[in-house]
């Protein structure tokens, strides 16, 4: 199974690239935001619990999110693999994800980070704000805060996977197709290594 964590700050281009990777490698997209919405819409026990917390402005705890991911992994037991988007954001989440996958006979193949410097991110998000209508993409101060929060809170996750020898970075600045080819190169060499291990 090919399980990839696509990593990068807001505005790095994860959404665009993850869709291209899903199409090429036939992966299941696991976005925690989408998962939460679909569990809530389906009225599952986890969904109802999450909705209650969200309605009170409380962050959904890791175990609820991991429970949702586990449901999805079990549902797609025979998939070619998963692409994790927006999760894990913290080291405890990464540890929880490792345990869940291990219990289901698989593991994270690698974390690929899209590297984009803070100035470029700010520029991209302000541009996106002109078309997306998202208020958090229109305020430069808010954008810088989001990027800073990403740098402090989520960087350690990259170190966690680096410690397992599962981290690589790709330059997230350039043409979409160029970046995509660089990502594919990393994934193809990973697949070759997986084949050799079999």
N, C-alpha and C. Protein backbone atom coordinates (compact mmCIF):
# COMPACT_ATOMS: atom_id res chain seq x y z
N UNK A 1 0.84 -1.20 0.00
CA UNK A 1 0.00 0.00 0.00
C UNK A 1 0.87 1.25 0.00
N UNK A 2 0.46 2.22 -0.78
CA UNK A 2 1.22 3.47 -0.88
C UNK A 2 0.49 4.52 -0.05
N UNK A 3 1.02 4.85 1.12
CA UNK A 3 0.36 5.82 2.00
C UNK A 3 1.23 7.06 2.14
N UNK A 4 0.71 8.16 1.62
CA UNK A 4 1.53 9.38 1.56
C UNK A 4 0.88 10.48 2.39
N UNK A 5 1.71 11.15 3.20
CA UNK A 5 1.26 12.36 3.89
C UNK A 5 1.77 13.52 3.04
N UNK A 6 0.84 14.30 2.49
CA UNK A 6 1.24 15.48 1.71
C UNK A 6 1.22 16.65 2.67
N UNK A 7 2.35 17.31 2.77
CA UNK A 7 2.58 18.28 3.83
C UNK A 7 2.95 19.62 3.23
N UNK A 8 2.58 20.67 3.92
CA UNK A 8 2.98 22.00 3.45
C UNK A 8 2.09 23.04 4.07
N UNK A 9 2.58 24.26 4.16
CA UNK A 9 1.81 25.34 4.79
C UNK A 9 0.60 25.73 3.93
N UNK A 10 -0.32 26.52 4.49
CA UNK A 10 -1.46 26.98 3.69
C UNK A 10 -0.96 27.73 2.46
N UNK A 11 -1.51 27.41 1.31
CA UNK A 11 -1.10 28.08 0.07
C UNK A 11 0.05 27.41 -0.65
N UNK A 12 0.51 26.25 -0.14
CA UNK A 12 1.66 25.58 -0.78
C UNK A 12 1.24 24.84 -2.06
N UNK A 13 -0.07 24.64 -2.23
CA UNK A 13 -0.54 23.95 -3.44
C UNK A 13 -0.89 22.49 -3.19
N UNK A 14 -1.14 22.13 -1.93
CA UNK A 14 -1.45 20.73 -1.60
C UNK A 14 -2.71 20.24 -2.31
N UNK A 15 -3.75 21.09 -2.32
CA UNK A 15 -5.02 20.68 -2.92
C UNK A 15 -4.86 20.32 -4.38
N UNK A 16 -4.18 21.20 -5.10
CA UNK A 16 -3.96 20.98 -6.54
C UNK A 16 -3.16 19.71 -6.78
N UNK A 17 -2.07 19.57 -6.04
CA UNK A 17 -1.17 18.42 -6.27
C UNK A 17 -1.79 17.11 -5.79
N UNK A 18 -2.51 17.15 -4.67
CA UNK A 18 -3.06 15.89 -4.16
C UNK A 18 -4.06 15.32 -5.16
N UNK A 19 -4.85 16.19 -5.82
CA UNK A 19 -5.82 15.70 -6.81
C UNK A 19 -5.10 15.02 -7.98
N UNK A 20 -4.00 15.61 -8.42
CA UNK A 20 -3.25 15.03 -9.55
C UNK A 20 -2.64 13.67 -9.14
N UNK A 21 -2.14 13.60 -7.90
CA UNK A 21 -1.54 12.35 -7.42
C UNK A 21 -2.59 11.25 -7.25
N UNK A 22 -3.77 11.63 -6.76
CA UNK A 22 -4.86 10.67 -6.58
C UNK A 22 -5.21 10.06 -7.94
N UNK A 23 -5.33 10.92 -8.95
CA UNK A 23 -5.69 10.44 -10.29
C UNK A 23 -4.61 9.52 -10.86
N UNK A 24 -3.35 9.90 -10.69
CA UNK A 24 -2.27 9.12 -11.29
C UNK A 24 -2.04 7.78 -10.58
N UNK A 25 -2.07 7.79 -9.25
CA UNK A 25 -1.71 6.57 -8.51
C UNK A 25 -2.92 5.82 -7.94
N UNK A 26 -4.12 6.33 -8.28
CA UNK A 26 -5.34 5.65 -7.86
C UNK A 26 -5.45 5.56 -6.32
N UNK A 27 -5.15 6.67 -5.66
CA UNK A 27 -5.15 6.69 -4.19
C UNK A 27 -6.49 7.21 -3.67
N UNK A 28 -6.78 6.88 -2.42
CA UNK A 28 -7.97 7.41 -1.75
C UNK A 28 -7.55 8.68 -1.01
N UNK A 29 -8.31 9.75 -1.22
CA UNK A 29 -7.99 11.03 -0.60
C UNK A 29 -8.58 11.07 0.81
N UNK A 30 -7.73 11.29 1.79
CA UNK A 30 -8.21 11.38 3.17
C UNK A 30 -7.96 12.79 3.69
N UNK A 31 -8.97 13.62 3.56
CA UNK A 31 -8.87 14.98 4.09
C UNK A 31 -9.73 15.01 5.35
N UNK A 32 -9.13 15.41 6.47
CA UNK A 32 -9.88 15.36 7.73
C UNK A 32 -11.10 16.28 7.69
N UNK A 33 -11.00 17.40 7.00
CA UNK A 33 -12.15 18.31 6.87
C UNK A 33 -13.31 17.62 6.17
N UNK A 34 -13.02 16.95 5.04
CA UNK A 34 -14.06 16.23 4.29
C UNK A 34 -14.64 15.10 5.13
N UNK A 35 -13.74 14.40 5.85
CA UNK A 35 -14.18 13.27 6.69
C UNK A 35 -15.17 13.75 7.75
N UNK A 36 -14.82 14.84 8.43
CA UNK A 36 -15.70 15.38 9.46
C UNK A 36 -17.06 15.72 8.87
N UNK A 37 -17.03 16.40 7.72
CA UNK A 37 -18.30 16.81 7.10
C UNK A 37 -19.15 15.60 6.71
N UNK A 38 -18.49 14.56 6.14
CA UNK A 38 -19.29 13.41 5.69
C UNK A 38 -19.82 12.59 6.87
N UNK A 39 -19.05 12.49 7.95
CA UNK A 39 -19.53 11.75 9.14
C UNK A 39 -20.69 12.50 9.79
N UNK A 40 -20.60 13.83 9.79
CA UNK A 40 -21.68 14.63 10.37
C UNK A 40 -22.93 14.48 9.51
N UNK A 41 -22.74 14.57 8.18
CA UNK A 41 -23.87 14.44 7.26
C UNK A 41 -24.52 13.06 7.37
N UNK A 42 -23.69 12.03 7.60
CA UNK A 42 -24.22 10.66 7.70
C UNK A 42 -24.83 10.39 9.08
N UNK A 43 -24.61 11.31 10.02
CA UNK A 43 -25.18 11.16 11.35
C UNK A 43 -24.60 10.01 12.16
N UNK A 44 -23.32 9.67 11.89
CA UNK A 44 -22.68 8.58 12.65
C UNK A 44 -22.42 9.03 14.08
N UNK A 45 -22.14 8.07 14.95
CA UNK A 45 -21.87 8.40 16.36
C UNK A 45 -20.70 9.36 16.46
N UNK A 46 -19.62 9.08 15.68
CA UNK A 46 -18.45 9.97 15.71
C UNK A 46 -18.81 11.34 15.15
N UNK A 47 -19.63 11.35 14.10
CA UNK A 47 -20.04 12.60 13.47
C UNK A 47 -20.84 13.47 14.42
N UNK A 48 -21.77 12.83 15.16
CA UNK A 48 -22.60 13.58 16.11
C UNK A 48 -21.76 14.16 17.24
N UNK A 49 -20.79 13.36 17.68
CA UNK A 49 -19.89 13.81 18.74
C UNK A 49 -19.08 15.01 18.26
N UNK A 50 -18.57 14.91 17.02
CA UNK A 50 -17.76 15.99 16.45
C UNK A 50 -18.60 17.26 16.29
N UNK A 51 -19.84 17.10 15.82
CA UNK A 51 -20.71 18.26 15.58
C UNK A 51 -20.97 19.01 16.89
N UNK A 52 -21.23 18.24 17.95
CA UNK A 52 -21.51 18.84 19.25
C UNK A 52 -20.32 19.71 19.69
N UNK A 53 -19.11 19.18 19.50
CA UNK A 53 -17.90 19.92 19.89
C UNK A 53 -17.71 21.15 19.01
N UNK A 54 -17.87 20.95 17.69
CA UNK A 54 -17.64 22.06 16.75
C UNK A 54 -18.65 23.19 16.98
N UNK A 55 -19.90 22.80 17.29
CA UNK A 55 -20.94 23.81 17.55
C UNK A 55 -20.58 24.67 18.76
N UNK A 56 -19.78 24.09 19.65
CA UNK A 56 -19.35 24.85 20.84
C UNK A 56 -17.97 25.47 20.66
N UNK A 57 -17.48 25.44 19.42
CA UNK A 57 -16.18 26.04 19.12
C UNK A 57 -15.00 25.27 19.69
N UNK A 58 -15.23 23.98 19.99
CA UNK A 58 -14.15 23.16 20.56
C UNK A 58 -13.52 22.33 19.46
N UNK A 59 -12.19 22.23 19.49
CA UNK A 59 -11.49 21.40 18.51
C UNK A 59 -11.85 19.94 18.71
N UNK A 60 -12.06 19.24 17.60
CA UNK A 60 -12.38 17.82 17.68
C UNK A 60 -11.14 17.06 18.15
N UNK A 61 -11.25 16.27 19.24
CA UNK A 61 -10.05 15.59 19.75
C UNK A 61 -9.48 14.55 18.79
N UNK A 62 -8.18 14.31 18.94
CA UNK A 62 -7.47 13.40 18.05
C UNK A 62 -8.14 12.04 17.93
N UNK A 63 -8.61 11.50 19.08
CA UNK A 63 -9.15 10.13 19.02
C UNK A 63 -10.40 10.05 18.15
N UNK A 64 -11.18 11.14 18.09
CA UNK A 64 -12.38 11.15 17.24
C UNK A 64 -11.96 11.17 15.77
N UNK A 65 -11.00 12.04 15.45
CA UNK A 65 -10.52 12.14 14.07
C UNK A 65 -9.88 10.82 13.64
N UNK A 66 -9.07 10.23 14.53
CA UNK A 66 -8.40 8.97 14.20
C UNK A 66 -9.43 7.86 14.03
N UNK A 67 -10.50 7.92 14.82
CA UNK A 67 -11.59 6.94 14.66
C UNK A 67 -12.21 7.03 13.27
N UNK A 68 -12.40 8.25 12.80
CA UNK A 68 -12.98 8.46 11.47
C UNK A 68 -12.03 7.94 10.38
N UNK A 69 -10.74 8.20 10.58
CA UNK A 69 -9.75 7.74 9.60
C UNK A 69 -9.75 6.21 9.57
N UNK A 70 -9.83 5.61 10.76
CA UNK A 70 -9.83 4.14 10.82
C UNK A 70 -11.02 3.55 10.07
N UNK A 71 -12.20 4.19 10.22
CA UNK A 71 -13.39 3.72 9.49
C UNK A 71 -13.12 3.72 7.99
N UNK A 72 -12.48 4.80 7.54
CA UNK A 72 -12.22 4.97 6.10
C UNK A 72 -11.19 3.93 5.62
N UNK A 73 -10.16 3.70 6.43
CA UNK A 73 -9.11 2.73 6.06
C UNK A 73 -9.74 1.33 5.95
N UNK A 74 -10.60 0.99 6.91
CA UNK A 74 -11.25 -0.33 6.89
C UNK A 74 -12.20 -0.47 5.70
N UNK A 75 -12.86 0.64 5.39
CA UNK A 75 -13.82 0.65 4.27
C UNK A 75 -13.09 0.41 2.94
N UNK A 76 -11.85 0.88 2.85
CA UNK A 76 -11.08 0.76 1.60
C UNK A 76 -9.87 -0.14 1.79
N UNK A 77 -10.09 -1.25 2.44
CA UNK A 77 -9.02 -2.20 2.76
C UNK A 77 -8.18 -2.61 1.55
N UNK A 78 -8.82 -2.65 0.36
CA UNK A 78 -8.10 -3.14 -0.83
C UNK A 78 -7.64 -2.02 -1.76
N UNK A 79 -7.62 -0.80 -1.23
CA UNK A 79 -7.19 0.34 -2.05
C UNK A 79 -5.69 0.27 -2.34
N UNK A 80 -5.27 0.99 -3.39
CA UNK A 80 -3.84 1.05 -3.73
C UNK A 80 -3.07 1.81 -2.65
N UNK A 81 -3.80 2.67 -1.93
CA UNK A 81 -3.16 3.46 -0.88
C UNK A 81 -3.97 4.71 -0.58
N UNK A 82 -3.44 5.51 0.33
CA UNK A 82 -4.14 6.72 0.77
C UNK A 82 -3.21 7.93 0.67
N UNK A 83 -3.84 9.07 0.46
CA UNK A 83 -3.07 10.31 0.55
C UNK A 83 -3.69 11.12 1.69
N UNK A 84 -2.89 11.41 2.70
CA UNK A 84 -3.38 12.13 3.89
C UNK A 84 -3.13 13.62 3.69
N UNK A 85 -4.20 14.39 3.78
CA UNK A 85 -4.12 15.82 3.49
C UNK A 85 -4.63 16.58 4.72
N UNK A 86 -3.75 17.35 5.33
CA UNK A 86 -4.16 18.13 6.50
C UNK A 86 -4.11 17.33 7.80
N UNK A 87 -3.51 16.17 7.74
CA UNK A 87 -3.39 15.31 8.92
C UNK A 87 -2.22 14.38 8.68
N UNK A 88 -1.38 14.11 9.65
CA UNK A 88 -1.37 14.62 11.02
C UNK A 88 -0.76 16.02 11.10
N UNK A 89 -1.26 16.80 12.05
CA UNK A 89 -0.75 18.16 12.26
C UNK A 89 0.14 18.26 13.48
N UNK A 90 0.10 17.23 14.33
CA UNK A 90 0.93 17.24 15.54
C UNK A 90 1.60 15.87 15.68
N UNK A 91 2.64 15.81 16.49
CA UNK A 91 3.34 14.53 16.70
C UNK A 91 2.42 13.47 17.33
N UNK A 92 1.61 13.83 18.36
CA UNK A 92 0.69 12.80 18.88
C UNK A 92 -0.26 12.25 17.82
N UNK A 93 -0.71 13.12 16.88
CA UNK A 93 -1.56 12.64 15.79
C UNK A 93 -0.79 11.68 14.89
N UNK A 94 0.47 12.01 14.62
CA UNK A 94 1.30 11.13 13.77
C UNK A 94 1.49 9.78 14.45
N UNK A 95 1.71 9.80 15.76
CA UNK A 95 1.88 8.55 16.50
C UNK A 95 0.59 7.73 16.48
N UNK A 96 -0.54 8.42 16.64
CA UNK A 96 -1.84 7.74 16.60
C UNK A 96 -2.10 7.12 15.23
N UNK A 97 -1.73 7.87 14.19
CA UNK A 97 -1.91 7.39 12.81
C UNK A 97 -1.03 6.16 12.56
N UNK A 98 0.22 6.21 13.04
CA UNK A 98 1.12 5.07 12.89
C UNK A 98 0.52 3.81 13.52
N UNK A 99 -0.03 3.98 14.72
CA UNK A 99 -0.59 2.84 15.44
C UNK A 99 -1.80 2.28 14.69
N UNK A 100 -2.68 3.18 14.25
CA UNK A 100 -3.88 2.78 13.51
C UNK A 100 -3.50 1.97 12.26
N UNK A 101 -2.54 2.50 11.49
CA UNK A 101 -2.14 1.82 10.26
C UNK A 101 -1.48 0.48 10.55
N UNK A 102 -0.66 0.46 11.58
CA UNK A 102 0.01 -0.78 12.00
C UNK A 102 -1.04 -1.84 12.35
N UNK A 103 -2.07 -1.43 13.10
CA UNK A 103 -3.15 -2.36 13.47
C UNK A 103 -3.89 -2.89 12.25
N UNK A 104 -3.81 -2.12 11.15
CA UNK A 104 -4.49 -2.53 9.92
C UNK A 104 -3.50 -3.07 8.88
N UNK A 105 -2.32 -3.43 9.36
CA UNK A 105 -1.34 -4.11 8.50
C UNK A 105 -0.67 -3.25 7.45
N UNK A 106 -0.58 -1.94 7.70
CA UNK A 106 0.10 -1.07 6.73
C UNK A 106 0.85 0.03 7.50
N UNK A 107 1.43 0.98 6.78
CA UNK A 107 2.18 2.07 7.43
C UNK A 107 2.28 3.25 6.48
N UNK A 108 2.75 4.37 7.01
CA UNK A 108 3.01 5.54 6.16
C UNK A 108 4.25 5.22 5.32
N UNK A 109 4.12 5.43 4.00
CA UNK A 109 5.26 5.19 3.11
C UNK A 109 6.23 6.36 3.19
N UNK A 110 5.66 7.58 3.10
CA UNK A 110 6.51 8.76 3.27
C UNK A 110 5.69 10.01 3.45
N UNK A 111 6.36 11.02 3.97
CA UNK A 111 5.76 12.34 4.03
C UNK A 111 6.50 13.19 3.02
N UNK A 112 5.74 13.79 2.11
CA UNK A 112 6.37 14.68 1.12
C UNK A 112 5.92 16.10 1.43
N UNK A 113 6.87 16.97 1.66
CA UNK A 113 6.56 18.37 1.99
C UNK A 113 6.75 19.25 0.77
N UNK A 114 5.81 20.15 0.55
CA UNK A 114 5.96 21.17 -0.48
C UNK A 114 6.59 22.39 0.19
N UNK A 115 7.78 22.71 -0.25
CA UNK A 115 8.52 23.83 0.38
C UNK A 115 8.23 25.13 -0.36
N UNK A 116 7.70 26.11 0.37
CA UNK A 116 7.44 27.43 -0.20
C UNK A 116 7.77 28.45 0.88
N UNK A 117 8.53 29.49 0.52
CA UNK A 117 8.91 30.44 1.57
C UNK A 117 7.71 31.32 1.97
N UNK A 118 7.82 31.90 3.16
CA UNK A 118 6.70 32.64 3.76
C UNK A 118 6.21 33.79 2.89
N UNK A 119 7.12 34.50 2.22
CA UNK A 119 6.71 35.65 1.40
C UNK A 119 5.85 35.20 0.22
N UNK A 120 6.29 34.11 -0.42
CA UNK A 120 5.55 33.56 -1.56
C UNK A 120 4.17 33.07 -1.11
N UNK A 121 4.11 32.44 0.06
CA UNK A 121 2.83 31.95 0.59
C UNK A 121 1.86 33.10 0.81
N UNK A 122 2.37 34.16 1.42
CA UNK A 122 1.53 35.33 1.71
C UNK A 122 0.97 35.89 0.40
N UNK A 123 1.85 36.00 -0.61
CA UNK A 123 1.45 36.53 -1.92
C UNK A 123 0.35 35.64 -2.54
N UNK A 124 0.59 34.32 -2.49
CA UNK A 124 -0.37 33.37 -3.09
C UNK A 124 -1.73 33.42 -2.40
N UNK A 125 -1.70 33.48 -1.07
CA UNK A 125 -2.96 33.45 -0.33
C UNK A 125 -3.76 34.74 -0.54
N UNK A 126 -3.05 35.87 -0.63
CA UNK A 126 -3.74 37.14 -0.89
C UNK A 126 -4.39 37.09 -2.28
N UNK A 127 -3.68 36.49 -3.21
CA UNK A 127 -4.20 36.33 -4.57
C UNK A 127 -5.42 35.42 -4.56
N UNK A 128 -5.29 34.31 -3.82
CA UNK A 128 -6.40 33.36 -3.72
C UNK A 128 -7.61 34.03 -3.09
N UNK A 129 -7.33 34.92 -2.13
CA UNK A 129 -8.40 35.63 -1.43
C UNK A 129 -9.25 36.47 -2.36
N UNK A 130 -8.64 36.94 -3.47
CA UNK A 130 -9.39 37.77 -4.43
C UNK A 130 -10.45 36.93 -5.15
N UNK A 131 -10.21 35.62 -5.26
CA UNK A 131 -11.15 34.78 -6.02
C UNK A 131 -11.92 33.81 -5.14
N UNK A 132 -11.32 33.41 -3.99
CA UNK A 132 -11.95 32.36 -3.18
C UNK A 132 -13.07 32.89 -2.29
N UNK A 133 -13.01 34.18 -1.99
CA UNK A 133 -14.01 34.74 -1.09
C UNK A 133 -13.76 34.37 0.37
N UNK A 134 -12.66 33.62 0.63
CA UNK A 134 -12.38 33.24 2.02
C UNK A 134 -11.80 34.43 2.78
N UNK A 135 -12.46 34.86 3.85
CA UNK A 135 -11.95 36.05 4.57
C UNK A 135 -10.54 35.84 5.13
N UNK A 136 -10.21 34.57 5.50
CA UNK A 136 -8.88 34.35 6.08
C UNK A 136 -7.77 34.41 5.02
N UNK A 137 -8.16 34.49 3.73
CA UNK A 137 -7.17 34.64 2.65
C UNK A 137 -7.03 36.11 2.23
N UNK A 138 -7.76 37.01 2.90
CA UNK A 138 -7.75 38.40 2.44
C UNK A 138 -7.04 39.33 3.42
N UNK A 139 -6.67 38.80 4.57
CA UNK A 139 -6.08 39.63 5.60
C UNK A 139 -4.62 39.21 5.79
N UNK A 140 -3.72 40.09 5.41
CA UNK A 140 -2.29 39.74 5.44
C UNK A 140 -1.82 39.33 6.83
N UNK A 141 -2.31 40.04 7.82
CA UNK A 141 -1.90 39.74 9.20
C UNK A 141 -2.33 38.33 9.60
N UNK A 142 -3.58 37.99 9.24
CA UNK A 142 -4.10 36.65 9.53
C UNK A 142 -3.30 35.58 8.80
N UNK A 143 -2.97 35.86 7.55
CA UNK A 143 -2.20 34.90 6.74
C UNK A 143 -0.85 34.63 7.40
N UNK A 144 -0.18 35.72 7.80
CA UNK A 144 1.14 35.55 8.42
C UNK A 144 1.02 34.74 9.72
N UNK A 145 -0.07 34.96 10.44
CA UNK A 145 -0.32 34.23 11.68
C UNK A 145 -0.49 32.73 11.38
N UNK A 146 -1.27 32.42 10.33
CA UNK A 146 -1.51 31.02 9.96
C UNK A 146 -0.21 30.33 9.57
N UNK A 147 0.61 31.04 8.80
CA UNK A 147 1.88 30.47 8.35
C UNK A 147 2.80 30.24 9.55
N UNK A 148 2.80 31.21 10.45
CA UNK A 148 3.65 31.10 11.65
C UNK A 148 3.19 29.92 12.52
N UNK A 149 1.88 29.78 12.64
CA UNK A 149 1.33 28.68 13.43
C UNK A 149 1.73 27.34 12.81
N UNK A 150 1.65 27.28 11.49
CA UNK A 150 2.07 26.07 10.79
C UNK A 150 3.54 25.77 11.11
N UNK A 151 4.37 26.81 11.00
CA UNK A 151 5.81 26.62 11.22
C UNK A 151 6.11 26.12 12.62
N UNK A 152 5.40 26.63 13.62
CA UNK A 152 5.73 26.21 14.99
C UNK A 152 5.09 24.88 15.35
N UNK A 153 3.82 24.69 14.95
CA UNK A 153 3.10 23.50 15.41
C UNK A 153 3.33 22.27 14.55
N UNK A 154 3.44 22.48 13.24
CA UNK A 154 3.47 21.30 12.37
C UNK A 154 4.86 20.90 11.92
N UNK A 155 5.82 21.82 12.03
CA UNK A 155 7.21 21.46 11.70
C UNK A 155 7.66 20.19 12.43
N UNK A 156 7.38 20.06 13.76
CA UNK A 156 7.85 18.87 14.48
C UNK A 156 7.38 17.55 13.85
N UNK A 157 6.24 17.61 13.14
CA UNK A 157 5.74 16.39 12.48
C UNK A 157 6.71 15.96 11.38
N UNK A 158 7.26 16.95 10.68
CA UNK A 158 8.26 16.65 9.64
C UNK A 158 9.48 16.00 10.28
N UNK A 159 9.90 16.52 11.43
CA UNK A 159 11.05 15.93 12.14
C UNK A 159 10.74 14.50 12.58
N UNK A 160 9.49 14.28 12.98
CA UNK A 160 9.07 12.94 13.43
C UNK A 160 9.25 11.91 12.29
N UNK A 161 8.78 12.28 11.09
CA UNK A 161 8.91 11.35 9.96
C UNK A 161 10.36 11.27 9.47
N UNK A 162 11.08 12.38 9.58
CA UNK A 162 12.50 12.36 9.20
C UNK A 162 13.24 11.36 10.08
N UNK A 163 12.86 11.32 11.35
CA UNK A 163 13.47 10.38 12.30
C UNK A 163 13.23 8.93 11.90
N UNK A 164 12.17 8.69 11.13
CA UNK A 164 11.87 7.33 10.65
C UNK A 164 12.45 7.10 9.25
N UNK A 165 13.14 8.12 8.74
CA UNK A 165 13.68 8.02 7.37
C UNK A 165 12.59 8.07 6.31
N UNK A 166 11.47 8.75 6.62
CA UNK A 166 10.33 8.77 5.69
C UNK A 166 9.97 10.18 5.23
N UNK A 167 10.93 11.09 5.30
CA UNK A 167 10.60 12.48 4.95
C UNK A 167 11.35 12.92 3.72
N UNK A 168 10.66 13.57 2.80
CA UNK A 168 11.38 14.22 1.70
C UNK A 168 10.65 15.51 1.35
N UNK A 169 11.39 16.44 0.76
CA UNK A 169 10.80 17.74 0.43
C UNK A 169 10.94 18.00 -1.06
N UNK A 170 9.94 18.68 -1.60
CA UNK A 170 9.93 19.04 -3.01
C UNK A 170 9.70 20.54 -3.08
N UNK A 171 10.39 21.21 -3.98
CA UNK A 171 10.22 22.66 -4.13
C UNK A 171 8.81 22.94 -4.62
N UNK A 172 8.06 23.73 -3.84
CA UNK A 172 6.67 24.02 -4.20
C UNK A 172 6.52 25.29 -5.02
N UNK A 173 7.66 25.83 -5.51
CA UNK A 173 7.57 27.05 -6.34
C UNK A 173 7.93 26.66 -7.78
N UNK A 174 7.09 27.07 -8.70
CA UNK A 174 7.32 26.73 -10.10
C UNK A 174 6.00 26.42 -10.77
N UNK A 175 6.08 25.87 -11.98
CA UNK A 175 4.87 25.49 -12.71
C UNK A 175 4.22 24.29 -12.03
N UNK A 176 2.90 24.22 -12.04
CA UNK A 176 2.17 23.11 -11.42
C UNK A 176 2.68 21.77 -11.93
N UNK A 177 2.87 21.70 -13.25
CA UNK A 177 3.29 20.43 -13.87
C UNK A 177 4.70 20.03 -13.44
N UNK A 178 5.60 21.02 -13.33
CA UNK A 178 6.98 20.76 -12.88
C UNK A 178 6.98 20.18 -11.46
N UNK A 179 6.19 20.81 -10.60
CA UNK A 179 6.11 20.37 -9.20
C UNK A 179 5.54 18.95 -9.15
N UNK A 180 4.52 18.71 -9.97
CA UNK A 180 3.89 17.39 -10.04
C UNK A 180 4.90 16.32 -10.46
N UNK A 181 5.71 16.64 -11.47
CA UNK A 181 6.72 15.68 -11.94
C UNK A 181 7.74 15.38 -10.84
N UNK A 182 8.10 16.41 -10.08
CA UNK A 182 9.07 16.22 -8.97
C UNK A 182 8.46 15.31 -7.91
N UNK A 183 7.16 15.48 -7.63
CA UNK A 183 6.47 14.62 -6.65
C UNK A 183 6.43 13.18 -7.17
N UNK A 184 6.10 13.02 -8.45
CA UNK A 184 6.00 11.67 -9.04
C UNK A 184 7.34 10.95 -8.98
N UNK A 185 8.42 11.72 -9.19
CA UNK A 185 9.76 11.12 -9.15
C UNK A 185 10.02 10.51 -7.76
N UNK A 186 9.66 11.26 -6.72
CA UNK A 186 9.83 10.78 -5.34
C UNK A 186 8.99 9.52 -5.11
N UNK A 187 7.74 9.56 -5.57
CA UNK A 187 6.82 8.45 -5.33
C UNK A 187 7.24 7.21 -6.11
N UNK A 188 7.68 7.42 -7.36
CA UNK A 188 8.10 6.27 -8.17
C UNK A 188 9.31 5.57 -7.56
N UNK A 189 10.25 6.35 -7.03
CA UNK A 189 11.43 5.71 -6.43
C UNK A 189 11.03 5.00 -5.14
N UNK A 190 10.04 5.54 -4.45
CA UNK A 190 9.50 4.90 -3.25
C UNK A 190 8.85 3.56 -3.60
N UNK A 191 8.07 3.56 -4.69
CA UNK A 191 7.39 2.34 -5.11
C UNK A 191 8.40 1.26 -5.50
N UNK A 192 9.48 1.70 -6.15
CA UNK A 192 10.54 0.74 -6.53
C UNK A 192 11.13 0.09 -5.28
N UNK A 193 11.39 0.91 -4.26
CA UNK A 193 11.95 0.38 -3.00
C UNK A 193 10.98 -0.61 -2.36
N UNK A 194 9.68 -0.27 -2.41
CA UNK A 194 8.67 -1.16 -1.83
C UNK A 194 8.66 -2.51 -2.56
N UNK A 195 8.80 -2.44 -3.89
CA UNK A 195 8.81 -3.67 -4.69
C UNK A 195 10.02 -4.53 -4.33
N UNK A 196 11.17 -3.86 -4.15
CA UNK A 196 12.41 -4.58 -3.82
C UNK A 196 12.28 -5.31 -2.48
N UNK A 197 11.54 -4.68 -1.54
CA UNK A 197 11.39 -5.27 -0.21
C UNK A 197 10.54 -6.55 -0.23
N UNK A 198 9.64 -6.63 -1.22
CA UNK A 198 8.67 -7.75 -1.25
C UNK A 198 9.36 -9.08 -1.42
